[in-house]
Amino acid sequence: MSVTFSSDLPDQGLPVMEPCLCTQMDESFSQWVQYGPGEPSVMRAAAAQGCYTCKGTGIEGYERSALPELNLANANAEALLNAMGIKQDYYHGEMSVAEARRGVVRARNTRIPVPPKPAWSQVFGGPRLIGGEITEESILERVNRFENFLNAVSELGAKKITWY
């Protein structure tokens, strides 16, 4: 699971065309991946005619967001919001750009609370489970990434930051 930070800016979306996975066993798929799109009829010949995704064309299209976003694992998003002093549900919420900037300054100038290791990571006598550990350095790295995202959307005119 993850949390995506976005903004209140209207998204126009960018059209993306990719080879459909029904063509992946054909040589044309490898050529598309290595050299970019070629003649569409080549992909059509390699496509499965009953494919639900591409409808037999060999090419699937969708829209990708044209706006900056930041995607973090749930635990990293929770640690980031806690470091910034945001006391909202970390699964979804919103704040103004000014609140976000104050949060970045707060995270950089206070001792960051590091969550304890989960109990399952300290099991003895069984298989060793290795999980990612959240440290003060990793939280500061997330703060830097969040600030880069914040600067990018601010330059585009965003007024609010949302997460879901």
N, C-alpha and C. Protein backbone atom coordinates (compact mmCIF):
# COMPACT_ATOMS: atom_id res chain seq x y z
N MET A 1 0.84 -1.17 0.00
CA MET A 1 0.00 0.00 0.00
C MET A 1 0.89 1.24 0.00
N SER A 2 0.33 2.31 -0.50
CA SER A 2 1.11 3.54 -0.54
C SER A 2 0.20 4.74 -0.43
N VAL A 3 0.81 5.88 -0.19
CA VAL A 3 0.12 7.16 -0.09
C VAL A 3 0.68 8.05 -1.18
N THR A 4 -0.20 8.69 -1.93
CA THR A 4 0.22 9.59 -3.01
C THR A 4 -0.10 11.03 -2.62
N PHE A 5 0.91 11.88 -2.65
CA PHE A 5 0.74 13.30 -2.42
C PHE A 5 0.53 13.97 -3.77
N SER A 6 -0.50 14.79 -3.84
CA SER A 6 -0.86 15.47 -5.08
C SER A 6 -1.22 16.91 -4.74
N SER A 7 -1.74 17.65 -5.71
CA SER A 7 -2.11 19.04 -5.48
C SER A 7 -3.51 19.30 -6.02
N ASP A 8 -3.97 20.53 -5.81
CA ASP A 8 -5.30 20.91 -6.28
C ASP A 8 -5.30 21.43 -7.72
N LEU A 9 -4.21 21.30 -8.43
CA LEU A 9 -4.12 21.77 -9.80
C LEU A 9 -4.94 20.86 -10.73
N PRO A 10 -5.60 21.46 -11.73
CA PRO A 10 -6.34 20.61 -12.68
C PRO A 10 -5.37 19.83 -13.56
N ASP A 11 -5.66 18.56 -13.75
CA ASP A 11 -4.77 17.69 -14.52
C ASP A 11 -5.30 17.50 -15.93
N GLN A 12 -4.48 17.80 -16.92
CA GLN A 12 -4.88 17.63 -18.31
C GLN A 12 -4.64 16.19 -18.77
N GLY A 13 -3.68 15.53 -18.18
CA GLY A 13 -3.36 14.15 -18.56
C GLY A 13 -2.57 14.10 -19.86
N LEU A 14 -1.64 13.19 -19.92
CA LEU A 14 -0.84 12.98 -21.13
C LEU A 14 -1.17 11.61 -21.70
N PRO A 15 -1.46 11.54 -22.99
CA PRO A 15 -1.74 10.23 -23.57
C PRO A 15 -0.46 9.39 -23.64
N VAL A 16 -0.58 8.13 -23.25
CA VAL A 16 0.55 7.20 -23.27
C VAL A 16 0.14 6.00 -24.10
N MET A 17 1.01 5.62 -25.02
CA MET A 17 0.76 4.44 -25.84
C MET A 17 1.88 3.45 -25.57
N GLU A 18 1.50 2.22 -25.23
CA GLU A 18 2.49 1.19 -24.93
C GLU A 18 2.06 -0.11 -25.59
N PRO A 19 3.03 -0.99 -25.83
CA PRO A 19 2.65 -2.29 -26.38
C PRO A 19 1.86 -3.08 -25.33
N CYS A 20 0.83 -3.75 -25.77
CA CYS A 20 0.02 -4.55 -24.86
C CYS A 20 0.81 -5.79 -24.43
N LEU A 21 0.53 -6.26 -23.25
CA LEU A 21 1.23 -7.44 -22.75
C LEU A 21 0.88 -8.71 -23.53
N CYS A 22 -0.20 -8.69 -24.30
CA CYS A 22 -0.53 -9.87 -25.10
C CYS A 22 0.48 -10.07 -26.24
N THR A 23 1.30 -9.06 -26.50
CA THR A 23 2.30 -9.15 -27.57
C THR A 23 3.71 -9.46 -27.05
N GLN A 24 3.84 -9.69 -25.76
CA GLN A 24 5.18 -9.76 -25.16
C GLN A 24 6.02 -10.95 -25.62
N MET A 25 5.41 -11.98 -26.17
CA MET A 25 6.20 -13.12 -26.63
C MET A 25 6.65 -12.96 -28.07
N ASP A 26 6.28 -11.87 -28.70
CA ASP A 26 6.64 -11.62 -30.08
C ASP A 26 7.88 -10.72 -30.15
N GLU A 27 8.66 -10.85 -31.20
CA GLU A 27 9.87 -10.04 -31.39
C GLU A 27 9.54 -8.55 -31.47
N SER A 28 8.36 -8.20 -31.97
CA SER A 28 7.99 -6.79 -32.10
C SER A 28 7.90 -6.10 -30.74
N PHE A 29 7.54 -6.86 -29.71
CA PHE A 29 7.47 -6.30 -28.36
C PHE A 29 8.86 -5.86 -27.91
N SER A 30 9.86 -6.73 -28.09
CA SER A 30 11.23 -6.40 -27.70
C SER A 30 11.75 -5.20 -28.48
N GLN A 31 11.41 -5.14 -29.78
CA GLN A 31 11.86 -4.00 -30.59
C GLN A 31 11.20 -2.71 -30.12
N TRP A 32 9.92 -2.76 -29.74
CA TRP A 32 9.23 -1.56 -29.24
C TRP A 32 9.91 -1.08 -27.97
N VAL A 33 10.20 -2.01 -27.06
CA VAL A 33 10.81 -1.64 -25.79
C VAL A 33 12.20 -1.05 -26.01
N GLN A 34 12.98 -1.62 -26.93
CA GLN A 34 14.34 -1.13 -27.17
C GLN A 34 14.39 0.14 -28.01
N TYR A 35 13.58 0.20 -29.08
CA TYR A 35 13.75 1.29 -30.06
C TYR A 35 12.56 2.24 -30.14
N GLY A 36 11.50 1.99 -29.39
CA GLY A 36 10.33 2.87 -29.44
C GLY A 36 9.32 2.38 -30.46
N PRO A 37 8.21 3.09 -30.57
CA PRO A 37 7.14 2.65 -31.44
C PRO A 37 7.55 2.60 -32.91
N GLY A 38 7.09 1.58 -33.55
CA GLY A 38 7.33 1.44 -34.98
C GLY A 38 6.01 1.46 -35.72
N GLU A 39 5.89 0.66 -36.72
CA GLU A 39 4.67 0.58 -37.51
C GLU A 39 3.58 -0.14 -36.68
N PRO A 40 2.41 0.49 -36.46
CA PRO A 40 1.36 -0.13 -35.65
C PRO A 40 0.87 -1.47 -36.20
N SER A 41 0.96 -1.67 -37.50
CA SER A 41 0.47 -2.92 -38.07
C SER A 41 1.30 -4.12 -37.59
N VAL A 42 2.58 -3.89 -37.25
CA VAL A 42 3.43 -4.96 -36.74
C VAL A 42 2.91 -5.43 -35.38
N MET A 43 2.54 -4.50 -34.53
CA MET A 43 2.00 -4.86 -33.22
C MET A 43 0.63 -5.52 -33.38
N ARG A 44 -0.16 -5.05 -34.33
CA ARG A 44 -1.48 -5.63 -34.56
C ARG A 44 -1.36 -7.09 -34.96
N ALA A 45 -0.36 -7.43 -35.76
CA ALA A 45 -0.17 -8.81 -36.20
C ALA A 45 0.22 -9.71 -35.04
N ALA A 46 0.91 -9.16 -34.04
CA ALA A 46 1.36 -9.96 -32.89
C ALA A 46 0.30 -10.05 -31.79
N ALA A 47 -0.74 -9.23 -31.86
CA ALA A 47 -1.72 -9.13 -30.79
C ALA A 47 -2.67 -10.32 -30.76
N ALA A 48 -3.15 -10.62 -29.57
CA ALA A 48 -4.20 -11.64 -29.42
C ALA A 48 -5.52 -10.97 -29.78
N GLN A 49 -6.25 -11.55 -30.70
CA GLN A 49 -7.47 -10.91 -31.20
C GLN A 49 -8.55 -10.77 -30.12
N GLY A 50 -8.55 -11.63 -29.13
CA GLY A 50 -9.55 -11.55 -28.07
C GLY A 50 -9.09 -10.79 -26.85
N CYS A 51 -7.99 -10.05 -26.95
CA CYS A 51 -7.42 -9.35 -25.79
C CYS A 51 -8.38 -8.24 -25.32
N TYR A 52 -8.67 -8.26 -24.04
CA TYR A 52 -9.59 -7.27 -23.46
C TYR A 52 -8.95 -5.89 -23.40
N THR A 53 -7.65 -5.83 -23.16
CA THR A 53 -6.97 -4.55 -22.96
C THR A 53 -6.81 -3.76 -24.25
N CYS A 54 -6.28 -4.41 -25.29
CA CYS A 54 -5.98 -3.67 -26.52
C CYS A 54 -7.01 -3.92 -27.63
N LYS A 55 -7.92 -4.85 -27.43
CA LYS A 55 -8.97 -5.17 -28.42
C LYS A 55 -8.38 -5.62 -29.75
N GLY A 56 -7.21 -6.31 -29.68
CA GLY A 56 -6.59 -6.85 -30.88
C GLY A 56 -5.69 -5.91 -31.65
N THR A 57 -5.45 -4.70 -31.12
CA THR A 57 -4.59 -3.75 -31.83
C THR A 57 -3.12 -3.94 -31.47
N GLY A 58 -2.83 -4.55 -30.32
CA GLY A 58 -1.45 -4.73 -29.87
C GLY A 58 -0.90 -3.53 -29.14
N ILE A 59 -1.67 -2.44 -29.09
CA ILE A 59 -1.23 -1.21 -28.44
C ILE A 59 -2.31 -0.78 -27.45
N GLU A 60 -1.90 -0.55 -26.21
CA GLU A 60 -2.86 -0.05 -25.23
C GLU A 60 -2.57 1.40 -24.93
N GLY A 61 -3.60 2.16 -24.73
CA GLY A 61 -3.45 3.58 -24.45
C GLY A 61 -4.14 3.95 -23.16
N TYR A 62 -3.59 4.90 -22.46
CA TYR A 62 -4.18 5.42 -21.24
C TYR A 62 -3.62 6.81 -21.01
N GLU A 63 -4.19 7.51 -20.04
CA GLU A 63 -3.69 8.84 -19.70
C GLU A 63 -2.90 8.78 -18.41
N ARG A 64 -1.75 9.44 -18.43
CA ARG A 64 -0.89 9.53 -17.26
C ARG A 64 -0.93 10.97 -16.78
N SER A 65 -0.89 11.15 -15.47
CA SER A 65 -0.92 12.49 -14.90
C SER A 65 0.28 13.30 -15.39
N ALA A 66 0.01 14.54 -15.76
CA ALA A 66 1.09 15.43 -16.20
C ALA A 66 1.64 16.25 -15.04
N LEU A 67 1.03 16.10 -13.87
CA LEU A 67 1.44 16.91 -12.71
C LEU A 67 2.40 16.14 -11.82
N PRO A 68 3.24 16.88 -11.09
CA PRO A 68 4.13 16.22 -10.13
C PRO A 68 3.34 15.54 -9.03
N GLU A 69 3.77 14.37 -8.63
CA GLU A 69 3.19 13.63 -7.52
C GLU A 69 4.33 13.01 -6.73
N LEU A 70 4.04 12.66 -5.48
CA LEU A 70 5.02 11.97 -4.65
C LEU A 70 4.32 10.77 -4.05
N ASN A 71 4.87 9.60 -4.26
CA ASN A 71 4.28 8.37 -3.75
C ASN A 71 5.21 7.76 -2.72
N LEU A 72 4.69 7.50 -1.52
CA LEU A 72 5.47 6.91 -0.43
C LEU A 72 4.75 5.71 0.15
N ALA A 73 5.50 4.78 0.67
CA ALA A 73 4.91 3.66 1.40
C ALA A 73 4.17 4.22 2.62
N ASN A 74 3.16 3.50 3.09
CA ASN A 74 2.34 3.98 4.21
C ASN A 74 3.18 4.39 5.42
N ALA A 75 4.12 3.55 5.82
CA ALA A 75 4.93 3.86 7.00
C ALA A 75 5.78 5.10 6.78
N ASN A 76 6.31 5.28 5.57
CA ASN A 76 7.10 6.47 5.27
C ASN A 76 6.24 7.72 5.26
N ALA A 77 5.03 7.62 4.71
CA ALA A 77 4.12 8.77 4.70
C ALA A 77 3.73 9.17 6.12
N GLU A 78 3.45 8.17 6.95
CA GLU A 78 3.09 8.46 8.34
C GLU A 78 4.26 9.13 9.06
N ALA A 79 5.47 8.62 8.87
CA ALA A 79 6.65 9.21 9.51
C ALA A 79 6.89 10.64 9.00
N LEU A 80 6.70 10.89 7.71
CA LEU A 80 6.86 12.22 7.14
C LEU A 80 5.86 13.19 7.76
N LEU A 81 4.59 12.81 7.79
CA LEU A 81 3.57 13.71 8.34
C LEU A 81 3.78 13.95 9.83
N ASN A 82 4.20 12.93 10.56
CA ASN A 82 4.51 13.13 11.99
C ASN A 82 5.67 14.09 12.17
N ALA A 83 6.71 13.95 11.37
CA ALA A 83 7.88 14.84 11.46
C ALA A 83 7.49 16.27 11.14
N MET A 84 6.52 16.44 10.23
CA MET A 84 6.07 17.77 9.84
C MET A 84 5.06 18.35 10.82
N GLY A 85 4.63 17.54 11.80
CA GLY A 85 3.67 18.03 12.78
C GLY A 85 2.24 18.04 12.28
N ILE A 86 1.96 17.31 11.23
CA ILE A 86 0.61 17.23 10.69
C ILE A 86 -0.15 16.15 11.44
N LYS A 87 -1.18 16.55 12.15
CA LYS A 87 -1.92 15.61 13.01
C LYS A 87 -3.22 15.17 12.33
N GLN A 88 -3.13 14.74 11.11
CA GLN A 88 -4.30 14.25 10.38
C GLN A 88 -4.11 12.78 10.08
N ASP A 89 -5.17 12.17 9.59
CA ASP A 89 -5.10 10.78 9.16
C ASP A 89 -4.10 10.70 8.01
N TYR A 90 -3.13 9.81 8.11
CA TYR A 90 -2.11 9.77 7.07
C TYR A 90 -2.58 9.04 5.82
N TYR A 91 -3.76 8.41 5.85
CA TYR A 91 -4.28 7.75 4.64
C TYR A 91 -4.88 8.74 3.66
N HIS A 92 -5.42 9.85 4.16
CA HIS A 92 -5.97 10.87 3.26
C HIS A 92 -6.09 12.18 4.04
N GLY A 93 -5.99 13.27 3.32
CA GLY A 93 -6.12 14.57 3.95
C GLY A 93 -5.68 15.67 3.01
N GLU A 94 -5.69 16.89 3.52
CA GLU A 94 -5.24 18.02 2.73
C GLU A 94 -4.71 19.10 3.65
N MET A 95 -3.84 19.93 3.09
CA MET A 95 -3.29 21.07 3.81
C MET A 95 -2.93 22.14 2.79
N SER A 96 -2.81 23.36 3.25
CA SER A 96 -2.42 24.44 2.34
C SER A 96 -0.92 24.33 2.05
N VAL A 97 -0.50 24.99 1.00
CA VAL A 97 0.93 25.01 0.66
C VAL A 97 1.72 25.68 1.79
N ALA A 98 1.13 26.71 2.40
CA ALA A 98 1.81 27.39 3.51
C ALA A 98 1.99 26.43 4.70
N GLU A 99 0.96 25.64 5.02
CA GLU A 99 1.10 24.65 6.10
C GLU A 99 2.19 23.63 5.76
N ALA A 100 2.24 23.23 4.52
CA ALA A 100 3.24 22.25 4.09
C ALA A 100 4.65 22.83 4.24
N ARG A 101 4.82 24.09 3.87
CA ARG A 101 6.15 24.73 4.01
C ARG A 101 6.55 24.84 5.49
N ARG A 102 5.58 25.21 6.34
CA ARG A 102 5.87 25.26 7.78
C ARG A 102 6.24 23.87 8.30
N GLY A 103 5.57 22.84 7.78
CA GLY A 103 5.87 21.47 8.18
C GLY A 103 7.28 21.06 7.79
N VAL A 104 7.72 21.46 6.60
CA VAL A 104 9.08 21.14 6.16
C VAL A 104 10.10 21.82 7.07
N VAL A 105 9.86 23.09 7.38
CA VAL A 105 10.78 23.82 8.28
C VAL A 105 10.79 23.15 9.66
N ARG A 106 9.62 22.77 10.16
CA ARG A 106 9.54 22.11 11.46
C ARG A 106 10.30 20.80 11.46
N ALA A 107 10.14 20.01 10.39
CA ALA A 107 10.81 18.71 10.31
C ALA A 107 12.33 18.86 10.29
N ARG A 108 12.80 19.93 9.69
CA ARG A 108 14.25 20.14 9.62
C ARG A 108 14.84 20.70 10.90
N ASN A 109 14.00 21.31 11.75
CA ASN A 109 14.52 22.01 12.92
C ASN A 109 14.11 21.42 14.25
N THR A 110 13.53 20.25 14.25
CA THR A 110 13.19 19.59 15.51
C THR A 110 13.70 18.14 15.47
N ARG A 111 13.77 17.57 16.64
CA ARG A 111 14.17 16.16 16.71
C ARG A 111 13.04 15.32 16.14
N ILE A 112 13.37 14.50 15.17
CA ILE A 112 12.35 13.72 14.47
C ILE A 112 12.03 12.47 15.27
N PRO A 113 10.74 12.26 15.55
CA PRO A 113 10.35 11.04 16.26
C PRO A 113 10.48 9.82 15.34
N VAL A 114 11.30 8.88 15.72
CA VAL A 114 11.50 7.67 14.92
C VAL A 114 10.60 6.58 15.48
N PRO A 115 9.75 6.00 14.65
CA PRO A 115 8.87 4.94 15.15
C PRO A 115 9.67 3.73 15.61
N PRO A 116 9.17 2.99 16.61
CA PRO A 116 9.90 1.80 17.08
C PRO A 116 9.87 0.70 16.03
N LYS A 117 10.84 -0.20 16.12
CA LYS A 117 10.85 -1.35 15.23
C LYS A 117 9.60 -2.19 15.49
N PRO A 118 8.98 -2.73 14.44
CA PRO A 118 7.82 -3.58 14.68
C PRO A 118 8.22 -4.84 15.44
N ALA A 119 7.30 -5.36 16.25
CA ALA A 119 7.59 -6.53 17.08
C ALA A 119 7.97 -7.75 16.23
N TRP A 120 7.39 -7.89 15.05
CA TRP A 120 7.67 -9.07 14.22
C TRP A 120 9.11 -9.10 13.74
N SER A 121 9.84 -7.96 13.78
CA SER A 121 11.22 -7.96 13.30
C SER A 121 12.19 -8.50 14.36
N GLN A 122 11.69 -8.81 15.55
CA GLN A 122 12.57 -9.27 16.62
C GLN A 122 12.21 -10.69 17.06
N VAL A 123 11.75 -11.52 16.13
CA VAL A 123 11.38 -12.90 16.44
C VAL A 123 12.65 -13.74 16.51
N PHE A 124 12.79 -14.52 17.56
CA PHE A 124 13.96 -15.38 17.73
C PHE A 124 13.56 -16.84 17.55
N GLY A 125 14.45 -17.65 17.02
CA GLY A 125 14.21 -19.07 16.88
C GLY A 125 13.45 -19.46 15.63
N GLY A 126 13.20 -18.55 14.76
CA GLY A 126 12.47 -18.84 13.53
C GLY A 126 13.20 -18.25 12.34
N PRO A 127 12.55 -18.22 11.21
CA PRO A 127 13.20 -17.61 10.05
C PRO A 127 13.41 -16.11 10.28
N ARG A 128 14.48 -15.62 9.76
CA ARG A 128 14.82 -14.21 9.95
C ARG A 128 14.02 -13.36 8.97
N LEU A 129 13.27 -12.43 9.48
CA LEU A 129 12.49 -11.52 8.65
C LEU A 129 13.22 -10.19 8.58
N ILE A 130 13.39 -9.70 7.38
CA ILE A 130 14.09 -8.43 7.20
C ILE A 130 13.10 -7.44 6.62
N GLY A 131 12.93 -6.35 7.30
CA GLY A 131 12.04 -5.30 6.83
C GLY A 131 12.78 -3.99 6.83
N GLY A 132 12.25 -3.05 6.08
CA GLY A 132 12.86 -1.74 6.05
C GLY A 132 12.74 -1.06 7.40
N GLU A 133 13.73 -0.33 7.79
CA GLU A 133 13.71 0.37 9.07
C GLU A 133 13.66 1.86 8.80
N ILE A 134 12.82 2.54 9.52
CA ILE A 134 12.71 3.99 9.37
C ILE A 134 13.67 4.64 10.35
N THR A 135 14.58 5.43 9.81
CA THR A 135 15.57 6.13 10.63
C THR A 135 15.39 7.63 10.45
N GLU A 136 16.09 8.39 11.27
CA GLU A 136 16.00 9.85 11.15
C GLU A 136 16.51 10.31 9.78
N GLU A 137 17.56 9.65 9.28
CA GLU A 137 18.10 10.00 7.96
C GLU A 137 17.10 9.69 6.85
N SER A 138 16.42 8.56 6.96
CA SER A 138 15.46 8.22 5.90
C SER A 138 14.26 9.17 5.93
N ILE A 139 13.86 9.61 7.12
CA ILE A 139 12.76 10.57 7.19
C ILE A 139 13.19 11.91 6.59
N LEU A 140 14.42 12.35 6.89
CA LEU A 140 14.91 13.60 6.30
C LEU A 140 15.00 13.50 4.78
N GLU A 141 15.34 12.33 4.27
CA GLU A 141 15.37 12.14 2.82
C GLU A 141 13.96 12.29 2.25
N ARG A 142 12.94 11.77 2.95
CA ARG A 142 11.54 11.93 2.51
C ARG A 142 11.12 13.39 2.59
N VAL A 143 11.60 14.11 3.61
CA VAL A 143 11.31 15.54 3.73
C VAL A 143 11.89 16.28 2.53
N ASN A 144 13.11 15.94 2.12
CA ASN A 144 13.72 16.57 0.94
C ASN A 144 12.91 16.28 -0.32
N ARG A 145 12.49 15.03 -0.49
CA ARG A 145 11.67 14.68 -1.65
C ARG A 145 10.34 15.42 -1.63
N PHE A 146 9.74 15.53 -0.43
CA PHE A 146 8.47 16.25 -0.31
C PHE A 146 8.67 17.73 -0.65
N GLU A 147 9.77 18.31 -0.20
CA GLU A 147 10.03 19.72 -0.51
C GLU A 147 10.22 19.93 -2.01
N ASN A 148 10.90 19.01 -2.69
CA ASN A 148 11.04 19.10 -4.14
C ASN A 148 9.67 19.06 -4.83
N PHE A 149 8.82 18.13 -4.38
CA PHE A 149 7.45 18.05 -4.90
C PHE A 149 6.71 19.36 -4.63
N LEU A 150 6.82 19.87 -3.40
CA LEU A 150 6.14 21.09 -3.00
C LEU A 150 6.58 22.29 -3.85
N ASN A 151 7.88 22.40 -4.09
CA ASN A 151 8.38 23.49 -4.93
C ASN A 151 7.85 23.39 -6.35
N ALA A 152 7.79 22.17 -6.88
CA ALA A 152 7.32 21.97 -8.26
C ALA A 152 5.85 22.37 -8.40
N VAL A 153 5.00 21.94 -7.47
CA VAL A 153 3.58 22.29 -7.60
C VAL A 153 3.32 23.75 -7.25
N SER A 154 4.14 24.33 -6.37
CA SER A 154 3.99 25.75 -6.03
C SER A 154 4.28 26.62 -7.24
N GLU A 155 5.31 26.26 -8.00
CA GLU A 155 5.65 27.02 -9.20
C GLU A 155 4.53 26.97 -10.23
N LEU A 156 3.75 25.89 -10.21
CA LEU A 156 2.61 25.76 -11.13
C LEU A 156 1.35 26.43 -10.62
N GLY A 157 1.39 26.94 -9.37
CA GLY A 157 0.27 27.68 -8.83
C GLY A 157 -0.64 26.93 -7.87
N ALA A 158 -0.19 25.84 -7.32
CA ALA A 158 -1.03 25.06 -6.39
C ALA A 158 -1.26 25.83 -5.10
N LYS A 159 -2.44 25.64 -4.52
CA LYS A 159 -2.79 26.26 -3.25
C LYS A 159 -2.94 25.23 -2.14
N LYS A 160 -3.24 23.97 -2.51
CA LYS A 160 -3.43 22.91 -1.53
C LYS A 160 -2.64 21.66 -1.92
N ILE A 161 -2.25 20.92 -0.90
CA ILE A 161 -1.62 19.61 -1.08
C ILE A 161 -2.61 18.58 -0.53
N THR A 162 -2.85 17.55 -1.29
CA THR A 162 -3.74 16.48 -0.85
C THR A 162 -2.98 15.17 -0.84
N TRP A 163 -3.44 14.23 -0.06
CA TRP A 163 -2.86 12.89 -0.08
C TRP A 163 -3.97 11.87 0.08
N TYR A 164 -3.76 10.74 -0.55
CA TYR A 164 -4.76 9.66 -0.53
C TYR A 164 -4.07 8.33 -0.68
